Amino acid sequence: MIIIVDTNIIISACLDSKSDLYNLIASSFNKIGFVTSEFSLKEIITYQENVCKKSRKNITILKTNLPATLNCINVLSDDKITESDIENAKSFTRQIDIDDTIFIAFLLALHSLIWMGDRKLLHGLKRKSFTNIISTKELNDIMKGL
């Protein structure tokens, strides 16, 4: 099973290595193929200071925990998706959050699930009958069955 991990999940896990998110990633990666895109890493690097300021966490925590988190997640080159996948994904994200198009394009290309913490996108895509999206609770339920 392949599950794409969105940036919000990765950042949250990195900000607290004792969190349920981090533990779920660390305890599940040998059973599930977690992947993310290069774009996600670029987002983390670009916004790390803002994220840490908003969350009142020291940037050192994020920088320290990022490598351990990424040891459990395969980072895929954005070249793996086609222009067709991107255009198809835009039809789903255009009216919700166009910035997340790359994640939906990977989902379509890999015929996988996506684990996201972005509630606006999650609910918006589910309203469009998109069923390949899972929340943290749903991933926990999947893991109980494995």
N, C-alpha and C. Protein backbone atom coordinates (compact mmCIF):
# COMPACT_ATOMS: atom_id res chain seq x y z
N MET A 1 0.84 -1.17 0.00
CA MET A 1 0.00 0.00 0.00
C MET A 1 0.90 1.24 0.00
N ILE A 2 0.59 2.16 -0.90
CA ILE A 2 1.32 3.43 -0.97
C ILE A 2 0.42 4.53 -0.44
N ILE A 3 0.99 5.34 0.45
CA ILE A 3 0.26 6.49 0.98
C ILE A 3 1.13 7.73 0.83
N ILE A 4 0.59 8.73 0.15
CA ILE A 4 1.27 10.00 0.00
C ILE A 4 1.04 10.81 1.26
N VAL A 5 2.10 11.40 1.79
CA VAL A 5 2.01 12.19 3.02
C VAL A 5 2.14 13.66 2.65
N ASP A 6 1.15 14.45 3.05
CA ASP A 6 1.22 15.87 2.70
C ASP A 6 2.12 16.64 3.66
N THR A 7 2.46 17.84 3.28
CA THR A 7 3.42 18.66 4.02
C THR A 7 2.97 18.93 5.46
N ASN A 8 1.68 19.18 5.66
CA ASN A 8 1.19 19.48 7.01
C ASN A 8 1.48 18.34 7.98
N ILE A 9 1.32 17.11 7.53
CA ILE A 9 1.56 15.94 8.38
C ILE A 9 3.05 15.86 8.72
N ILE A 10 3.90 16.05 7.72
CA ILE A 10 5.35 15.96 7.94
C ILE A 10 5.81 17.03 8.93
N ILE A 11 5.36 18.25 8.72
CA ILE A 11 5.76 19.34 9.62
C ILE A 11 5.29 19.07 11.04
N SER A 12 4.04 18.66 11.19
CA SER A 12 3.51 18.38 12.53
C SER A 12 4.31 17.29 13.22
N ALA A 13 4.67 16.25 12.48
CA ALA A 13 5.47 15.17 13.06
C ALA A 13 6.85 15.67 13.46
N CYS A 14 7.43 16.53 12.65
CA CYS A 14 8.78 17.06 12.95
C CYS A 14 8.79 18.00 14.14
N LEU A 15 7.71 18.70 14.36
CA LEU A 15 7.66 19.65 15.46
C LEU A 15 7.53 18.98 16.82
N ASP A 16 7.13 17.71 16.82
CA ASP A 16 7.00 16.99 18.09
C ASP A 16 7.25 15.50 17.86
N SER A 17 8.48 15.07 18.12
CA SER A 17 8.85 13.67 17.87
C SER A 17 8.19 12.71 18.85
N LYS A 18 7.46 13.23 19.82
CA LYS A 18 6.72 12.37 20.74
C LYS A 18 5.23 12.35 20.40
N SER A 19 4.86 13.00 19.31
CA SER A 19 3.45 13.11 18.94
C SER A 19 2.92 11.82 18.33
N ASP A 20 1.60 11.71 18.32
CA ASP A 20 0.95 10.56 17.69
C ASP A 20 1.30 10.48 16.21
N LEU A 21 1.40 11.64 15.54
CA LEU A 21 1.73 11.64 14.11
C LEU A 21 3.11 11.04 13.88
N TYR A 22 4.08 11.51 14.62
CA TYR A 22 5.44 10.99 14.46
C TYR A 22 5.47 9.49 14.75
N ASN A 23 4.83 9.08 15.84
CA ASN A 23 4.81 7.66 16.21
C ASN A 23 4.10 6.81 15.16
N LEU A 24 3.04 7.35 14.57
CA LEU A 24 2.32 6.62 13.53
C LEU A 24 3.22 6.42 12.31
N ILE A 25 3.94 7.45 11.91
CA ILE A 25 4.86 7.33 10.77
C ILE A 25 5.97 6.33 11.10
N ALA A 26 6.59 6.50 12.25
CA ALA A 26 7.74 5.66 12.62
C ALA A 26 7.35 4.20 12.80
N SER A 27 6.16 3.93 13.29
CA SER A 27 5.76 2.55 13.55
C SER A 27 5.11 1.88 12.35
N SER A 28 4.78 2.64 11.32
CA SER A 28 4.04 2.10 10.19
C SER A 28 4.84 1.98 8.90
N PHE A 29 6.00 2.66 8.83
CA PHE A 29 6.67 2.76 7.53
C PHE A 29 7.14 1.42 6.98
N ASN A 30 7.32 0.42 7.84
CA ASN A 30 7.74 -0.89 7.33
C ASN A 30 6.54 -1.71 6.85
N LYS A 31 5.33 -1.21 7.07
CA LYS A 31 4.11 -1.88 6.61
C LYS A 31 3.46 -1.13 5.46
N ILE A 32 3.73 0.16 5.39
CA ILE A 32 3.11 1.04 4.39
C ILE A 32 4.22 1.79 3.68
N GLY A 33 4.06 1.98 2.39
CA GLY A 33 5.03 2.77 1.64
C GLY A 33 4.64 4.24 1.68
N PHE A 34 5.18 4.97 2.65
CA PHE A 34 4.91 6.41 2.72
C PHE A 34 5.78 7.12 1.70
N VAL A 35 5.18 8.04 0.95
CA VAL A 35 5.92 8.84 -0.03
C VAL A 35 5.47 10.30 0.08
N THR A 36 6.33 11.18 -0.37
CA THR A 36 5.97 12.59 -0.52
C THR A 36 6.73 13.11 -1.73
N SER A 37 6.46 14.34 -2.09
CA SER A 37 7.10 14.92 -3.27
C SER A 37 8.24 15.85 -2.88
N GLU A 38 9.10 16.09 -3.84
CA GLU A 38 10.18 17.08 -3.64
C GLU A 38 9.58 18.43 -3.28
N PHE A 39 8.44 18.72 -3.86
CA PHE A 39 7.76 19.98 -3.58
C PHE A 39 7.50 20.15 -2.09
N SER A 40 7.15 19.07 -1.43
CA SER A 40 6.89 19.11 0.01
C SER A 40 8.14 19.56 0.77
N LEU A 41 9.28 19.01 0.40
CA LEU A 41 10.53 19.41 1.06
C LEU A 41 10.84 20.88 0.82
N LYS A 42 10.59 21.34 -0.39
CA LYS A 42 10.82 22.75 -0.71
C LYS A 42 9.90 23.64 0.14
N GLU A 43 8.65 23.20 0.31
CA GLU A 43 7.71 23.95 1.15
C GLU A 43 8.18 24.02 2.60
N ILE A 44 8.65 22.89 3.10
CA ILE A 44 9.12 22.85 4.49
C ILE A 44 10.29 23.81 4.69
N ILE A 45 11.24 23.77 3.77
CA ILE A 45 12.41 24.64 3.88
C ILE A 45 12.01 26.12 3.74
N THR A 46 11.13 26.40 2.79
CA THR A 46 10.71 27.77 2.55
C THR A 46 9.96 28.37 3.74
N TYR A 47 9.09 27.58 4.34
CA TYR A 47 8.21 28.11 5.39
C TYR A 47 8.59 27.70 6.81
N GLN A 48 9.76 27.08 6.99
CA GLN A 48 10.11 26.56 8.31
C GLN A 48 10.13 27.64 9.40
N GLU A 49 10.64 28.81 9.09
CA GLU A 49 10.68 29.86 10.11
C GLU A 49 9.28 30.33 10.49
N ASN A 50 8.42 30.54 9.50
CA ASN A 50 7.05 30.96 9.77
C ASN A 50 6.29 29.91 10.56
N VAL A 51 6.45 28.65 10.18
CA VAL A 51 5.77 27.55 10.86
C VAL A 51 6.21 27.49 12.32
N CYS A 52 7.50 27.58 12.54
CA CYS A 52 8.02 27.50 13.91
C CYS A 52 7.56 28.69 14.75
N LYS A 53 7.52 29.86 14.13
CA LYS A 53 7.05 31.05 14.85
C LYS A 53 5.58 30.89 15.24
N LYS A 54 4.74 30.44 14.29
CA LYS A 54 3.31 30.27 14.57
C LYS A 54 3.06 29.19 15.62
N SER A 55 3.86 28.14 15.58
CA SER A 55 3.65 27.03 16.51
C SER A 55 4.42 27.21 17.82
N ARG A 56 5.18 28.30 17.88
CA ARG A 56 6.00 28.60 19.07
C ARG A 56 6.99 27.48 19.38
N LYS A 57 7.56 26.93 18.32
CA LYS A 57 8.58 25.89 18.45
C LYS A 57 9.90 26.44 17.94
N ASN A 58 10.97 25.96 18.50
CA ASN A 58 12.31 26.35 18.07
C ASN A 58 12.60 25.66 16.73
N ILE A 59 13.14 26.41 15.80
CA ILE A 59 13.45 25.87 14.48
C ILE A 59 14.43 24.70 14.55
N THR A 60 15.24 24.67 15.58
CA THR A 60 16.19 23.56 15.77
C THR A 60 15.45 22.24 15.92
N ILE A 61 14.29 22.27 16.56
CA ILE A 61 13.49 21.04 16.73
C ILE A 61 13.09 20.50 15.37
N LEU A 62 12.58 21.38 14.51
CA LEU A 62 12.18 20.96 13.16
C LEU A 62 13.37 20.42 12.39
N LYS A 63 14.48 21.15 12.41
CA LYS A 63 15.66 20.72 11.66
C LYS A 63 16.25 19.42 12.19
N THR A 64 16.14 19.19 13.48
CA THR A 64 16.65 17.96 14.09
C THR A 64 15.77 16.76 13.75
N ASN A 65 14.45 16.96 13.78
CA ASN A 65 13.52 15.85 13.57
C ASN A 65 13.22 15.54 12.11
N LEU A 66 13.49 16.48 11.22
CA LEU A 66 13.19 16.26 9.81
C LEU A 66 13.91 15.05 9.23
N PRO A 67 15.22 14.88 9.42
CA PRO A 67 15.89 13.70 8.85
C PRO A 67 15.31 12.37 9.35
N ALA A 68 15.00 12.29 10.64
CA ALA A 68 14.43 11.05 11.19
C ALA A 68 13.06 10.77 10.59
N THR A 69 12.28 11.81 10.41
CA THR A 69 10.95 11.65 9.81
C THR A 69 11.09 11.21 8.36
N LEU A 70 12.01 11.83 7.63
CA LEU A 70 12.18 11.49 6.22
C LEU A 70 12.80 10.10 6.02
N ASN A 71 13.42 9.55 7.05
CA ASN A 71 13.90 8.17 6.96
C ASN A 71 12.75 7.19 6.80
N CYS A 72 11.55 7.62 7.16
CA CYS A 72 10.36 6.77 7.08
C CYS A 72 9.50 7.08 5.86
N ILE A 73 9.89 8.09 5.08
CA ILE A 73 9.09 8.56 3.95
C ILE A 73 10.00 8.66 2.72
N ASN A 74 9.61 8.02 1.64
CA ASN A 74 10.38 8.13 0.40
C ASN A 74 10.00 9.44 -0.30
N VAL A 75 11.01 10.20 -0.68
CA VAL A 75 10.78 11.45 -1.39
C VAL A 75 10.90 11.16 -2.88
N LEU A 76 9.82 11.44 -3.60
CA LEU A 76 9.79 11.17 -5.03
C LEU A 76 10.05 12.44 -5.83
N SER A 77 10.77 12.27 -6.91
CA SER A 77 11.03 13.39 -7.80
C SER A 77 9.72 13.84 -8.44
N ASP A 78 9.53 15.13 -8.52
CA ASP A 78 8.33 15.67 -9.15
C ASP A 78 8.26 15.32 -10.63
N ASP A 79 9.38 14.87 -11.20
CA ASP A 79 9.41 14.45 -12.60
C ASP A 79 8.59 13.18 -12.84
N LYS A 80 8.24 12.48 -11.78
CA LYS A 80 7.51 11.22 -11.90
C LYS A 80 6.06 11.42 -12.35
N ILE A 81 5.58 12.65 -12.28
CA ILE A 81 4.20 12.89 -12.70
C ILE A 81 4.19 13.61 -14.04
N THR A 82 3.16 13.34 -14.80
CA THR A 82 3.05 13.91 -16.14
C THR A 82 2.23 15.19 -16.11
N GLU A 83 2.33 15.92 -17.17
CA GLU A 83 1.53 17.14 -17.33
C GLU A 83 0.04 16.79 -17.30
N SER A 84 -0.29 15.64 -17.84
CA SER A 84 -1.68 15.17 -17.83
C SER A 84 -2.17 14.93 -16.39
N ASP A 85 -1.31 14.32 -15.56
CA ASP A 85 -1.66 14.12 -14.15
C ASP A 85 -1.90 15.46 -13.45
N ILE A 86 -1.05 16.43 -13.76
CA ILE A 86 -1.18 17.75 -13.14
C ILE A 86 -2.48 18.43 -13.56
N GLU A 87 -2.78 18.38 -14.85
CA GLU A 87 -4.02 18.99 -15.34
C GLU A 87 -5.24 18.30 -14.75
N ASN A 88 -5.19 16.99 -14.67
CA ASN A 88 -6.28 16.23 -14.07
C ASN A 88 -6.46 16.61 -12.60
N ALA A 89 -5.35 16.74 -11.89
CA ALA A 89 -5.39 17.10 -10.47
C ALA A 89 -5.96 18.51 -10.28
N LYS A 90 -5.62 19.41 -11.18
CA LYS A 90 -6.12 20.79 -11.08
C LYS A 90 -7.64 20.83 -11.13
N SER A 91 -8.24 19.90 -11.86
CA SER A 91 -9.70 19.89 -11.94
C SER A 91 -10.32 19.62 -10.57
N PHE A 92 -9.57 18.98 -9.67
CA PHE A 92 -10.06 18.73 -8.32
C PHE A 92 -9.67 19.84 -7.35
N THR A 93 -8.49 20.42 -7.52
CA THR A 93 -7.98 21.37 -6.52
C THR A 93 -8.25 22.84 -6.84
N ARG A 94 -8.59 23.12 -8.08
CA ARG A 94 -8.72 24.51 -8.54
C ARG A 94 -9.59 25.36 -7.61
N GLN A 95 -10.73 24.86 -7.20
CA GLN A 95 -11.65 25.67 -6.39
C GLN A 95 -11.44 25.48 -4.88
N ILE A 96 -10.48 24.62 -4.51
CA ILE A 96 -10.25 24.36 -3.09
C ILE A 96 -8.91 24.93 -2.65
N ASP A 97 -7.83 24.37 -3.20
CA ASP A 97 -6.48 24.84 -2.86
C ASP A 97 -5.52 24.39 -3.96
N ILE A 98 -5.30 25.25 -4.91
CA ILE A 98 -4.48 24.94 -6.08
C ILE A 98 -3.05 24.59 -5.70
N ASP A 99 -2.58 25.06 -4.54
CA ASP A 99 -1.22 24.78 -4.10
C ASP A 99 -0.99 23.30 -3.80
N ASP A 100 -2.05 22.55 -3.59
CA ASP A 100 -1.91 21.12 -3.29
C ASP A 100 -2.06 20.24 -4.53
N THR A 101 -2.05 20.84 -5.69
CA THR A 101 -2.22 20.08 -6.94
C THR A 101 -1.19 18.97 -7.08
N ILE A 102 0.06 19.24 -6.72
CA ILE A 102 1.13 18.24 -6.89
C ILE A 102 0.83 16.96 -6.12
N PHE A 103 0.25 17.08 -4.93
CA PHE A 103 -0.05 15.90 -4.13
C PHE A 103 -1.16 15.07 -4.78
N ILE A 104 -2.16 15.75 -5.32
CA ILE A 104 -3.26 15.03 -5.98
C ILE A 104 -2.76 14.43 -7.28
N ALA A 105 -1.85 15.10 -7.97
CA ALA A 105 -1.26 14.54 -9.19
C ALA A 105 -0.50 13.25 -8.88
N PHE A 106 0.26 13.23 -7.79
CA PHE A 106 0.95 12.00 -7.38
C PHE A 106 -0.06 10.92 -7.04
N LEU A 107 -1.11 11.29 -6.34
CA LEU A 107 -2.15 10.33 -5.98
C LEU A 107 -2.72 9.68 -7.23
N LEU A 108 -3.03 10.49 -8.24
CA LEU A 108 -3.58 9.96 -9.49
C LEU A 108 -2.56 9.10 -10.23
N ALA A 109 -1.32 9.55 -10.26
CA ALA A 109 -0.27 8.81 -10.99
C ALA A 109 0.05 7.47 -10.33
N LEU A 110 0.03 7.44 -9.00
CA LEU A 110 0.42 6.23 -8.27
C LEU A 110 -0.76 5.35 -7.89
N HIS A 111 -1.97 5.83 -8.17
CA HIS A 111 -3.18 5.08 -7.78
C HIS A 111 -3.10 4.69 -6.31
N SER A 112 -2.92 5.70 -5.49
CA SER A 112 -2.65 5.47 -4.07
C SER A 112 -3.66 6.22 -3.21
N LEU A 113 -3.34 6.28 -1.94
CA LEU A 113 -4.09 7.09 -0.98
C LEU A 113 -3.25 8.30 -0.62
N ILE A 114 -3.89 9.31 -0.08
CA ILE A 114 -3.15 10.46 0.42
C ILE A 114 -3.61 10.73 1.85
N TRP A 115 -2.63 10.93 2.72
CA TRP A 115 -2.87 11.23 4.13
C TRP A 115 -2.64 12.72 4.30
N MET A 116 -3.69 13.43 4.66
CA MET A 116 -3.53 14.87 4.76
C MET A 116 -4.10 15.44 6.05
N GLY A 117 -3.49 16.53 6.45
CA GLY A 117 -3.94 17.24 7.63
C GLY A 117 -4.67 18.53 7.28
N ASP A 118 -4.75 18.81 6.00
CA ASP A 118 -5.42 20.02 5.52
C ASP A 118 -6.92 19.75 5.45
N ARG A 119 -7.63 20.14 6.49
CA ARG A 119 -9.06 19.83 6.58
C ARG A 119 -9.87 20.45 5.46
N LYS A 120 -9.51 21.67 5.07
CA LYS A 120 -10.24 22.35 4.00
C LYS A 120 -10.15 21.52 2.71
N LEU A 121 -8.94 21.09 2.37
CA LEU A 121 -8.76 20.30 1.16
C LEU A 121 -9.41 18.93 1.31
N LEU A 122 -9.22 18.30 2.45
CA LEU A 122 -9.79 16.97 2.70
C LEU A 122 -11.30 16.99 2.51
N HIS A 123 -11.98 17.93 3.14
CA HIS A 123 -13.44 18.00 3.03
C HIS A 123 -13.88 18.44 1.64
N GLY A 124 -13.14 19.36 1.03
CA GLY A 124 -13.47 19.81 -0.31
C GLY A 124 -13.37 18.69 -1.33
N LEU A 125 -12.33 17.88 -1.23
CA LEU A 125 -12.17 16.76 -2.17
C LEU A 125 -13.21 15.67 -1.90
N LYS A 126 -13.51 15.43 -0.64
CA LYS A 126 -14.55 14.43 -0.33
C LYS A 126 -15.90 14.87 -0.85
N ARG A 127 -16.17 16.18 -0.83
CA ARG A 127 -17.42 16.69 -1.41
C ARG A 127 -17.47 16.44 -2.91
N LYS A 128 -16.30 16.33 -3.53
CA LYS A 128 -16.23 16.04 -4.97
C LYS A 128 -16.16 14.53 -5.22
N SER A 129 -16.55 13.75 -4.21
CA SER A 129 -16.58 12.28 -4.28
C SER A 129 -15.20 11.66 -4.44
N PHE A 130 -14.19 12.36 -3.96
CA PHE A 130 -12.82 11.85 -3.99
C PHE A 130 -12.66 10.93 -2.80
N THR A 131 -12.36 9.67 -3.04
CA THR A 131 -12.35 8.69 -1.94
C THR A 131 -10.95 8.21 -1.55
N ASN A 132 -9.93 8.70 -2.19
CA ASN A 132 -8.56 8.23 -1.93
C ASN A 132 -7.86 9.02 -0.83
N ILE A 133 -8.61 9.76 -0.04
CA ILE A 133 -8.04 10.62 0.99
C ILE A 133 -8.31 10.01 2.35
N ILE A 134 -7.28 10.04 3.20
CA ILE A 134 -7.49 9.53 4.56
C ILE A 134 -7.00 10.54 5.59
N SER A 135 -7.68 10.54 6.70
CA SER A 135 -7.29 11.37 7.84
C SER A 135 -6.39 10.54 8.74
N THR A 136 -5.86 11.16 9.76
CA THR A 136 -5.02 10.44 10.72
C THR A 136 -5.82 9.35 11.41
N LYS A 137 -7.06 9.64 11.77
CA LYS A 137 -7.92 8.64 12.41
C LYS A 137 -8.12 7.44 11.48
N GLU A 138 -8.37 7.71 10.21
CA GLU A 138 -8.57 6.62 9.25
C GLU A 138 -7.30 5.80 9.07
N LEU A 139 -6.13 6.44 9.07
CA LEU A 139 -4.88 5.71 8.96
C LEU A 139 -4.67 4.84 10.19
N ASN A 140 -4.99 5.37 11.35
CA ASN A 140 -4.90 4.56 12.58
C ASN A 140 -5.78 3.32 12.47
N ASP A 141 -6.98 3.47 11.93
CA ASP A 141 -7.89 2.34 11.75
C ASP A 141 -7.31 1.31 10.78
N ILE A 142 -6.70 1.79 9.70
CA ILE A 142 -6.05 0.89 8.73
C ILE A 142 -4.95 0.11 9.41
N MET A 143 -4.14 0.80 10.20
CA MET A 143 -3.00 0.15 10.87
C MET A 143 -3.46 -0.91 11.87
N LYS A 144 -4.59 -0.70 12.49
CA LYS A 144 -5.12 -1.71 13.43
C LYS A 144 -5.46 -2.99 12.69
N GLY A 145 -5.83 -2.86 11.40
CA GLY A 145 -6.20 -4.02 10.60
C GLY A 145 -5.01 -4.74 9.98
N LEU A 146 -3.82 -4.17 10.06
CA LEU A 146 -2.64 -4.81 9.45
C LEU A 146 -1.90 -5.67 10.44
